[in-house]
């Protein structure tokens, strides 16, 4: 139908041919610029093969995202990792991202494994720790394959305390270690004596107090929902969520049958660490994402994860299969004295938050995050808005005041990523590339394109 029949003057639509668009604009003609990219390389054929299954895929995606939105993550307790993580033995060390061999491990992951082995008294020097792993006397395995998630290097060793999070709607469980704070910490690859001593204090003092304080289940979804309306985005900013957690724990902390000096020390530690809630947001997001998994025909992404060497993606319709590509550099702000040349590639399981509509997908709710990751409030708003292009739905729980309380984009559709060329946006910390140093900055990163294409190929190959 012509523009004249609609009562509007004719307009030219530009789909990326800027010289022609500029000429039309110079002549004063109405011009609409269309943000368009070609499909990802290699995606055309699997996209074509999936066209005939559009109705089936839509129904499957509705089921997958419906389960994700219905999941109700509750904090139900604290436990020793080896006692609750399936398949974990006294010689298992879990790590972030997809599977990898020790010889391929990035610096921060190597440092965190070394620190965990010293913490477990399995080695007394970094050199002996490395020899132990290289000799195959320790099993390395992804957190995601053991009902766990871990920020940055994501290392979980058998005796570490973990939060226990349960999906009240579906019964699934996920776990995560306690957050150590920022800077020189194990998850960023540091393993000095102060790091080991802090981990042992968390196990010996903090864990029993937290286990007693969680006397009733705590609704993590409700905390995250409220925190987004208070300026958090659920990945790199947890100031509001941590405060809300303390508010819930405070009555129990005040009445615990424990040494008052220990309780006070734990309270001070949590109050001084705004990232405390990150390690609860992640297992909360994992039980939501896991609820969406295993739906035949669904193209919804259920895992985004990186180990500093590779980026891994998993999709509902292909179950537990990993699709990988090279980890990417993070663009952002560096602490004084550091620069991009010092940085490790992208690392961590924390992109599970983006998988369920938080983090980079919710940056419009957290304009203050811009100062931490090196952007502007307008860029944060634009990041969220762009993610609607690749999302199947809008969140029922994560509402953004700056968008008129519109729900964040939720349910990354692998087809939409491949068709549009728009990759998910993730905000992340930056670790030093060498083991033993720690955090050196924070920023934004996009995954490599290849995992989405290979996932789509696998979906198209299924009858």
Protein backbone atom coordinates (compact mmCIF):
# COMPACT_ATOMS: atom_id res chain seq x y z
CA UNK A 1 0.00 0.00 0.00
CA UNK A 2 1.48 3.39 -0.99
CA UNK A 3 2.34 6.12 1.50
CA UNK A 4 -0.07 8.45 -0.32
CA UNK A 5 -3.02 6.15 0.39
CA UNK A 6 -2.11 6.21 4.08
CA UNK A 7 -2.14 10.02 4.04
CA UNK A 8 1.62 10.29 4.56
CA UNK A 9 4.27 11.65 2.19
CA UNK A 10 6.53 9.07 0.55
CA UNK A 11 9.63 8.19 2.61
CA UNK A 12 12.89 6.45 1.89
CA UNK A 13 13.98 3.66 4.22
CA UNK A 14 17.73 3.27 4.63
CA UNK A 15 19.00 -0.14 5.71
CA UNK A 16 22.62 0.70 6.32
CA UNK A 17 23.67 2.25 2.97
CA UNK A 18 24.84 5.50 4.55
CA UNK A 19 26.17 7.35 1.46
CA UNK A 20 22.80 6.97 -0.29
CA UNK A 21 20.94 7.88 2.89
CA UNK A 22 22.98 11.04 3.30
CA UNK A 23 22.24 12.07 -0.28
CA UNK A 24 18.48 11.54 0.18
CA UNK A 25 18.60 13.53 3.41
CA UNK A 26 20.52 16.35 1.71
CA UNK A 27 17.70 16.61 -0.85
CA UNK A 28 15.18 17.11 1.94
CA UNK A 29 13.25 13.89 1.35
CA UNK A 30 11.69 12.05 4.36
CA UNK A 31 14.13 9.40 5.52
CA UNK A 32 13.80 6.52 7.98
CA UNK A 33 17.03 4.85 9.05
CA UNK A 34 16.58 1.13 9.73
CA UNK A 35 19.14 -0.48 12.02
CA UNK A 36 19.92 -3.67 10.12
CA UNK A 37 22.70 -6.22 10.06
CA UNK A 38 23.04 -9.30 7.91
CA UNK A 39 22.56 -12.69 9.58
CA UNK A 40 25.58 -14.14 11.33
CA UNK A 41 27.97 -16.00 9.03
CA UNK A 42 26.78 -19.55 8.50
CA UNK A 43 23.30 -18.94 9.92
CA UNK A 44 21.37 -18.64 6.65
CA UNK A 45 20.95 -22.37 6.01
CA UNK A 46 19.84 -23.44 9.52
CA UNK A 47 17.49 -20.44 9.63
CA UNK A 48 15.95 -21.52 6.33
CA UNK A 49 15.52 -25.09 7.57
CA UNK A 50 13.74 -23.90 10.71
CA UNK A 51 11.19 -21.72 8.89
CA UNK A 52 8.78 -24.64 8.43
CA UNK A 53 8.87 -25.36 12.16
CA UNK A 54 8.00 -21.81 13.27
CA UNK A 55 4.68 -22.76 14.88
CA UNK A 56 6.24 -25.66 16.76
CA UNK A 57 9.16 -23.50 17.91
CA UNK A 58 6.85 -20.71 19.07
CA UNK A 59 4.89 -23.13 21.24
CA UNK A 60 8.13 -24.61 22.64
CA UNK A 61 9.53 -21.16 23.39
CA UNK A 62 6.32 -20.16 25.14
CA UNK A 63 6.70 -23.23 27.37
CA UNK A 64 10.38 -22.61 28.07
CA UNK A 65 10.02 -18.92 28.91
CA UNK A 66 6.82 -19.63 30.83
CA UNK A 67 8.74 -22.04 33.05
CA UNK A 68 11.54 -19.51 33.46
CA UNK A 69 9.11 -16.83 34.58
CA UNK A 70 7.20 -19.21 36.87
CA UNK A 71 10.33 -20.37 38.73
CA UNK A 72 10.48 -19.09 42.30
CA UNK A 73 14.04 -19.11 43.68
CA UNK A 74 14.22 -19.29 47.46
CA UNK A 75 17.32 -19.18 49.66
CA UNK A 76 16.83 -22.20 51.91
CA UNK A 77 20.18 -22.69 53.60
CA UNK A 78 23.94 -23.05 53.65
CA UNK A 79 25.90 -26.28 53.18
CA UNK A 80 29.37 -27.70 52.53
CA UNK A 81 29.88 -27.98 48.76
CA UNK A 82 30.76 -31.68 48.62
CA UNK A 83 27.70 -32.54 50.70
CA UNK A 84 25.17 -31.03 48.27
CA UNK A 85 26.71 -30.71 44.81
CA UNK A 86 25.99 -33.81 42.69
CA UNK A 87 29.08 -35.63 41.50
CA UNK A 88 31.56 -33.59 43.56
CA UNK A 89 34.21 -35.58 45.43
CA UNK A 90 37.04 -34.52 47.74
CA UNK A 91 39.26 -34.28 44.64
CA UNK A 92 36.88 -32.21 42.46
CA UNK A 93 37.46 -28.54 41.70
CA UNK A 94 34.65 -26.78 39.88
CA UNK A 95 35.23 -23.80 37.58
CA UNK A 96 33.22 -21.35 35.51
CA UNK A 97 32.35 -21.74 31.85
CA UNK A 98 32.34 -24.78 29.58
CA UNK A 99 34.71 -27.75 30.07
CA UNK A 100 38.43 -27.19 29.48
CA UNK A 101 41.80 -28.84 29.94
CA UNK A 102 44.28 -27.50 32.51
CA UNK A 103 46.79 -26.67 29.77
CA UNK A 104 44.22 -24.26 28.27
CA UNK A 105 43.24 -22.54 31.53
CA UNK A 106 43.49 -18.75 31.63
CA UNK A 107 45.57 -17.00 34.27
CA UNK A 108 42.81 -16.08 36.73
CA UNK A 109 41.34 -19.58 36.58
CA UNK A 110 44.78 -21.11 37.18
CA UNK A 111 45.30 -18.80 40.14
CA UNK A 112 41.92 -19.64 41.64
CA UNK A 113 42.52 -23.40 41.30
CA UNK A 114 45.92 -23.00 42.95
CA UNK A 115 44.35 -21.06 45.80
CA UNK A 116 41.58 -23.62 46.25
CA UNK A 117 44.08 -26.48 46.51
CA UNK A 118 46.08 -24.56 49.14
CA UNK A 119 42.84 -23.74 50.99
CA UNK A 120 41.94 -27.45 50.98
CA UNK A 121 45.43 -28.39 52.28
CA UNK A 122 45.96 -30.51 49.17
CA UNK A 123 49.06 -28.46 48.34
CA UNK A 124 51.29 -26.15 50.36
CA UNK A 125 52.84 -24.14 47.51
CA UNK A 126 51.58 -22.85 44.14
CA UNK A 127 54.12 -25.06 42.34
CA UNK A 128 52.88 -28.23 44.07
CA UNK A 129 49.29 -27.26 43.37
CA UNK A 130 50.02 -26.89 39.66
CA UNK A 131 51.84 -30.24 39.57
CA UNK A 132 48.86 -31.90 41.28
CA UNK A 133 46.44 -30.71 38.61
CA UNK A 134 48.81 -31.34 35.71
CA UNK A 135 49.27 -34.95 36.91
CA UNK A 136 45.50 -35.53 36.73
CA UNK A 137 45.13 -36.04 40.47
CA UNK A 138 42.38 -33.42 40.64
CA UNK A 139 39.22 -33.42 38.52
CA UNK A 140 38.32 -30.10 36.90
CA UNK A 141 34.66 -29.75 35.96
CA UNK A 142 32.23 -26.92 35.08
CA UNK A 143 30.05 -25.55 37.86
CA UNK A 144 27.04 -25.66 35.55
CA UNK A 145 27.30 -29.46 35.32
CA UNK A 146 27.03 -29.80 39.10
CA UNK A 147 24.03 -27.56 39.95
CA UNK A 148 26.33 -24.64 40.72
CA UNK A 149 27.51 -21.31 39.39
CA UNK A 150 30.55 -19.23 40.26
CA UNK A 151 31.50 -15.62 39.46
CA UNK A 152 34.68 -14.95 37.45
CA UNK A 153 36.95 -18.03 37.79
CA UNK A 154 34.03 -19.66 39.58
CA UNK A 155 36.20 -22.07 41.53
CA UNK A 156 34.37 -24.20 44.09
CA UNK A 157 36.30 -26.73 46.18
CA UNK A 158 34.79 -29.52 48.31
CA UNK A 159 34.85 -27.88 51.74
CA UNK A 160 33.76 -24.40 50.71
CA UNK A 161 30.39 -23.22 52.08
CA UNK A 162 27.70 -22.62 49.48
CA UNK A 163 24.30 -20.95 49.48
CA UNK A 164 21.50 -23.42 48.72
CA UNK A 165 18.79 -22.00 46.45
CA UNK A 166 15.66 -23.97 45.59
CA UNK A 167 12.96 -23.41 42.98
CA UNK A 168 9.73 -23.57 44.98
CA UNK A 169 7.76 -24.00 41.76
CA UNK A 170 9.77 -26.75 40.06
CA UNK A 171 12.00 -28.22 42.75
CA UNK A 172 15.33 -27.54 41.05
CA UNK A 173 18.35 -26.45 43.08
CA UNK A 174 21.41 -24.32 42.47
CA UNK A 175 24.38 -23.36 44.63
CA UNK A 176 27.07 -20.69 44.85
CA UNK A 177 29.94 -19.87 47.18
CA UNK A 178 29.95 -16.76 49.39
CA UNK A 179 31.16 -13.50 47.86
CA UNK A 180 34.62 -12.38 49.04
CA UNK A 181 34.31 -8.71 48.05
CA UNK A 182 36.22 -6.88 45.33
CA UNK A 183 39.90 -6.63 44.45
CA UNK A 184 42.39 -9.26 45.56
CA UNK A 185 40.11 -12.29 45.89
CA UNK A 186 40.13 -15.94 44.79
CA UNK A 187 37.52 -15.57 42.06
CA UNK A 188 39.81 -13.10 40.28
CA UNK A 189 42.74 -15.48 40.55
CA UNK A 190 44.45 -14.17 43.70
CA UNK A 191 45.80 -16.75 46.18
CA UNK A 192 47.95 -14.87 48.70
CA UNK A 193 47.84 -15.74 52.39
CA UNK A 194 45.25 -13.05 53.11
CA UNK A 195 42.96 -14.59 50.46
CA UNK A 196 43.29 -18.06 51.99
CA UNK A 197 42.74 -16.74 55.52
CA UNK A 198 39.59 -14.93 54.41
CA UNK A 199 38.23 -18.11 52.82
CA UNK A 200 38.88 -20.07 56.00
CA UNK A 201 37.18 -17.39 58.11
CA UNK A 202 34.17 -17.57 55.79
CA UNK A 203 34.04 -21.34 56.25
CA UNK A 204 34.68 -21.44 60.00
CA UNK A 205 32.83 -18.32 61.20
CA UNK A 206 30.60 -16.82 58.53
CA UNK A 207 29.04 -20.03 57.21
CA UNK A 208 27.66 -21.31 60.56
CA UNK A 209 26.22 -17.87 61.34
CA UNK A 210 24.60 -17.56 57.92
CA UNK A 211 23.22 -21.10 58.15
CA UNK A 212 21.57 -20.23 61.46
CA UNK A 213 20.35 -16.85 60.21
CA UNK A 214 18.52 -18.40 57.26
CA UNK A 215 15.93 -19.83 59.60
CA UNK A 216 13.15 -19.33 57.04
CA UNK A 217 13.25 -19.40 53.25
CA UNK A 218 14.03 -16.03 51.67
CA UNK A 219 12.36 -15.07 48.38
CA UNK A 220 15.26 -14.02 46.14
CA UNK A 221 13.05 -13.18 43.18
CA UNK A 222 11.16 -10.66 45.31
CA UNK A 223 14.42 -9.05 46.46
CA UNK A 224 15.72 -8.78 42.89
CA UNK A 225 12.42 -7.35 41.68
CA UNK A 226 12.46 -4.66 44.34
CA UNK A 227 16.18 -3.97 43.88
CA UNK A 228 15.71 -3.22 40.18
CA UNK A 229 13.34 -0.43 41.15
CA UNK A 230 15.98 0.89 43.55
CA UNK A 231 18.81 1.20 41.00
CA UNK A 232 20.34 -2.31 40.77
CA UNK A 233 20.56 -4.34 37.56
CA UNK A 234 21.22 -7.76 39.09
CA UNK A 235 24.76 -8.44 37.88
CA UNK A 236 27.36 -5.77 38.70
CA UNK A 237 25.31 -3.54 40.98
CA UNK A 238 23.80 -5.13 44.12
CA UNK A 239 23.78 -2.23 46.56
CA UNK A 240 20.00 -2.31 47.03
CA UNK A 241 19.70 -6.11 46.96
CA UNK A 242 22.42 -6.56 49.60
CA UNK A 243 20.71 -3.99 51.83
CA UNK A 244 17.38 -5.80 51.41
CA UNK A 245 19.07 -9.10 52.29
CA UNK A 246 20.56 -7.62 55.47
CA UNK A 247 17.11 -6.31 56.38
CA UNK A 248 15.69 -9.84 56.10
CA UNK A 249 18.54 -11.44 58.04
CA UNK A 250 18.80 -8.84 60.80
CA UNK A 251 16.11 -10.19 63.19
CA UNK A 252 17.69 -13.65 63.17
CA UNK A 253 21.23 -12.27 63.49
CA UNK A 254 20.22 -10.34 66.61
CA UNK A 255 18.93 -13.47 68.36
CA UNK A 256 21.53 -16.07 67.35
CA UNK A 257 23.10 -18.29 69.97
CA UNK A 258 26.60 -17.36 68.81
CA UNK A 259 29.46 -15.16 69.99
CA UNK A 260 28.37 -11.55 69.61
CA UNK A 261 31.82 -10.60 68.31
CA UNK A 262 31.51 -13.17 65.50
CA UNK A 263 28.01 -12.02 64.60
CA UNK A 264 29.16 -8.41 64.52
CA UNK A 265 32.15 -9.29 62.36
CA UNK A 266 29.94 -11.13 59.85
CA UNK A 267 27.44 -8.25 59.79
CA UNK A 268 30.24 -5.75 59.14
CA UNK A 269 31.66 -7.92 56.36
CA UNK A 270 28.31 -8.15 54.55
CA UNK A 271 27.51 -4.48 55.07
CA UNK A 272 30.86 -3.48 53.58
CA UNK A 273 30.47 -5.73 50.53
CA UNK A 274 27.76 -4.57 48.13
CA UNK A 275 28.49 -7.62 45.95
CA UNK A 276 27.30 -10.04 48.64
CA UNK A 277 24.03 -10.52 46.78
CA UNK A 278 25.74 -11.35 43.46
CA UNK A 279 26.36 -14.85 44.77
CA UNK A 280 22.64 -15.20 45.47
CA UNK A 281 21.43 -13.58 42.25
CA UNK A 282 23.44 -16.10 40.25
CA UNK A 283 21.94 -19.34 41.70
CA UNK A 284 18.53 -17.64 41.64
CA UNK A 285 19.01 -16.99 37.93
CA UNK A 286 20.31 -20.54 37.38
CA UNK A 287 17.21 -22.22 38.81
CA UNK A 288 15.12 -19.95 36.58
CA UNK A 289 17.20 -20.76 33.50
CA UNK A 290 17.32 -24.47 34.34
CA UNK A 291 13.53 -24.50 34.57
CA UNK A 292 13.46 -23.45 30.90
CA UNK A 293 15.81 -26.25 29.84
CA UNK A 294 15.03 -29.46 27.99
CA UNK A 295 12.00 -28.29 26.01
CA UNK A 296 12.12 -30.08 22.62
CA UNK A 297 12.23 -27.63 19.74
CA UNK A 298 12.88 -24.56 21.90
CA UNK A 299 15.47 -22.06 20.68
CA UNK A 300 15.71 -20.25 24.04
CA UNK A 301 19.22 -19.85 25.48
CA UNK A 302 19.56 -21.36 28.96
CA UNK A 303 23.28 -20.77 29.64
CA UNK A 304 25.79 -18.05 28.85
CA UNK A 305 29.13 -18.79 30.50
CA UNK A 306 32.86 -18.21 30.07
CA UNK A 307 36.06 -19.66 31.50
CA UNK A 308 38.60 -17.08 30.27
CA UNK A 309 39.46 -19.24 27.27
CA UNK A 310 36.11 -20.11 25.73
CA UNK A 311 32.58 -18.76 25.82
CA UNK A 312 29.88 -21.44 26.16
CA UNK A 313 26.20 -21.38 25.23
CA UNK A 314 23.49 -23.95 25.95
CA UNK A 315 19.99 -23.92 24.46
CA UNK A 316 16.76 -25.43 25.79
CA UNK A 317 16.08 -27.65 22.77
CA UNK A 318 19.57 -29.20 22.79
CA UNK A 319 19.73 -29.96 26.51
CA UNK A 320 23.15 -30.11 28.17
CA UNK A 321 25.24 -29.74 24.98
CA UNK A 322 27.78 -26.91 24.97
CA UNK A 323 28.42 -24.71 21.94
CA UNK A 324 31.62 -22.73 22.26
CA UNK A 325 33.74 -19.99 20.76
CA UNK A 326 36.72 -17.91 21.88
CA UNK A 327 36.29 -15.72 24.97
CA UNK A 328 36.30 -12.01 24.15
CA UNK A 329 38.10 -8.98 25.63
CA UNK A 330 36.03 -6.82 27.98
CA UNK A 331 35.75 -3.12 27.13
CA UNK A 332 35.57 -0.92 30.20
CA UNK A 333 37.28 1.03 32.95
CA UNK A 334 40.55 -0.05 34.57
CA UNK A 335 41.79 0.58 38.07
CA UNK A 336 44.75 3.00 38.29
CA UNK A 337 47.94 1.45 36.98
CA UNK A 338 46.25 -1.11 34.72
CA UNK A 339 45.27 -1.16 31.04
CA UNK A 340 43.79 -3.48 28.43
CA UNK A 341 47.15 -5.18 27.92
CA UNK A 342 46.94 -6.50 31.50
CA UNK A 343 43.46 -7.98 31.19
CA UNK A 344 42.27 -11.56 30.98
CA UNK A 345 39.64 -12.40 28.43
CA UNK A 346 36.00 -12.58 29.54
CA UNK A 347 35.44 -15.06 32.37
CA UNK A 348 32.68 -16.21 34.73
CA UNK A 349 29.30 -17.91 35.13
CA UNK A 350 27.72 -14.60 36.13
CA UNK A 351 26.23 -14.08 32.66
CA UNK A 352 23.53 -16.45 33.88
CA UNK A 353 21.91 -13.20 35.06
CA UNK A 354 21.68 -11.90 31.48
CA UNK A 355 20.17 -15.25 30.48
CA UNK A 356 17.08 -14.43 32.58
CA UNK A 357 16.80 -10.72 31.77
CA UNK A 358 19.10 -9.15 34.37
CA UNK A 359 22.56 -7.58 34.11
CA UNK A 360 23.17 -6.10 30.67
CA UNK A 361 19.51 -6.67 29.80
CA UNK A 362 18.45 -4.54 32.79
CA UNK A 363 21.00 -1.73 32.68
CA UNK A 364 18.23 0.79 31.97
CA UNK A 365 17.18 0.25 35.61
CA UNK A 366 20.64 1.16 36.91
CA UNK A 367 21.99 4.41 35.45
CA UNK A 368 24.68 4.48 38.17
CA UNK A 369 26.19 1.28 36.76
CA UNK A 370 27.57 3.40 33.93
CA UNK A 371 30.23 4.92 36.20
CA UNK A 372 31.44 1.42 37.19
CA UNK A 373 31.69 -0.10 33.71
CA UNK A 374 32.74 2.93 31.69
CA UNK A 375 29.56 4.02 29.93
CA UNK A 376 26.82 6.63 30.21
CA UNK A 377 23.22 6.41 31.47
CA UNK A 378 22.00 6.87 27.89
CA UNK A 379 24.14 3.93 26.77
CA UNK A 380 22.74 1.81 29.60
CA UNK A 381 19.23 2.65 28.45
CA UNK A 382 20.10 1.87 24.84
CA UNK A 383 21.63 -1.48 25.78
CA UNK A 384 18.42 -2.69 27.38
CA UNK A 385 16.29 -1.37 24.53
CA UNK A 386 18.38 -3.17 21.91
CA UNK A 387 18.04 -6.50 23.72
CA UNK A 388 14.29 -6.56 23.04
CA UNK A 389 15.26 -7.41 19.44
CA UNK A 390 16.60 -10.82 20.47
CA UNK A 391 14.27 -11.66 23.38
CA UNK A 392 11.20 -13.86 23.18
CA UNK A 393 9.26 -12.05 25.90
CA UNK A 394 9.31 -9.35 28.56
CA UNK A 395 9.88 -10.15 32.21
CA UNK A 396 6.94 -10.34 34.56
CA UNK A 397 9.25 -9.63 37.51
CA UNK A 398 12.06 -7.29 36.43
CA UNK A 399 10.29 -3.96 35.77
CA UNK A 400 12.21 -0.86 34.70
CA UNK A 401 10.97 2.52 35.98
CA UNK A 402 12.81 4.42 33.22
CA UNK A 403 10.89 2.41 30.61
CA UNK A 404 7.49 3.05 32.15
CA UNK A 405 7.81 -0.14 34.25
CA UNK A 406 8.20 -2.24 31.14
CA UNK A 407 9.61 -5.70 31.82
CA UNK A 408 13.22 -6.34 30.81
CA UNK A 409 13.87 -8.44 27.70
CA UNK A 410 13.83 -12.11 28.74
CA UNK A 411 14.35 -15.41 26.93
CA UNK A 412 17.19 -14.97 24.41
CA UNK A 413 16.04 -16.55 21.13
CA UNK A 414 19.00 -18.14 19.36
CA UNK A 415 17.26 -17.60 16.00
CA UNK A 416 16.85 -13.87 16.64
CA UNK A 417 20.53 -13.54 17.54
CA UNK A 418 21.56 -15.28 14.33
CA UNK A 419 19.07 -13.46 12.12
CA UNK A 420 19.69 -9.95 13.45
CA UNK A 421 23.40 -10.20 14.12
CA UNK A 422 22.71 -8.62 17.53
CA UNK A 423 24.67 -10.36 20.27
CA UNK A 424 23.68 -10.32 23.97
CA UNK A 425 25.25 -7.54 26.03
CA UNK A 426 26.93 -8.62 29.29
CA UNK A 427 28.45 -6.40 31.97
CA UNK A 428 31.37 -7.95 33.79
CA UNK A 429 34.39 -7.51 35.99
CA UNK A 430 37.90 -7.64 34.52
CA UNK A 431 40.58 -9.92 35.96
CA UNK A 432 44.33 -9.60 35.47
CA UNK A 433 45.62 -12.06 32.88
CA UNK A 434 48.28 -13.40 35.24
CA UNK A 435 47.39 -15.69 38.17
CA UNK A 436 47.63 -14.23 41.64
CA UNK A 437 46.83 -10.56 40.93
CA UNK A 438 43.04 -10.13 41.12
CA UNK A 439 40.52 -7.64 39.76
CA UNK A 440 41.72 -4.72 37.66
CA UNK A 441 38.50 -3.20 36.29
CA UNK A 442 34.96 -3.69 34.97
CA UNK A 443 33.16 -3.24 31.66
CA UNK A 444 30.91 -4.62 28.95
CA UNK A 445 31.40 -7.56 26.60
CA UNK A 446 29.53 -9.39 23.85
CA UNK A 447 29.83 -13.15 23.20
CA UNK A 448 31.44 -14.54 20.06
CA UNK A 449 28.95 -15.22 17.27
CA UNK A 450 29.95 -18.79 16.49
CA UNK A 451 28.31 -20.58 19.47
CA UNK A 452 24.88 -19.26 18.47
CA UNK A 453 25.34 -20.43 14.89
CA UNK A 454 26.48 -23.93 15.89
CA UNK A 455 23.61 -24.17 18.36
CA UNK A 456 21.21 -23.21 15.59
CA UNK A 457 22.75 -25.84 13.32
CA UNK A 458 22.19 -28.47 16.00
CA UNK A 459 18.56 -27.38 16.43
CA UNK A 460 17.98 -27.48 12.67
CA UNK A 461 19.47 -30.98 12.48
CA UNK A 462 16.88 -32.35 14.91
CA UNK A 463 13.81 -33.86 13.35
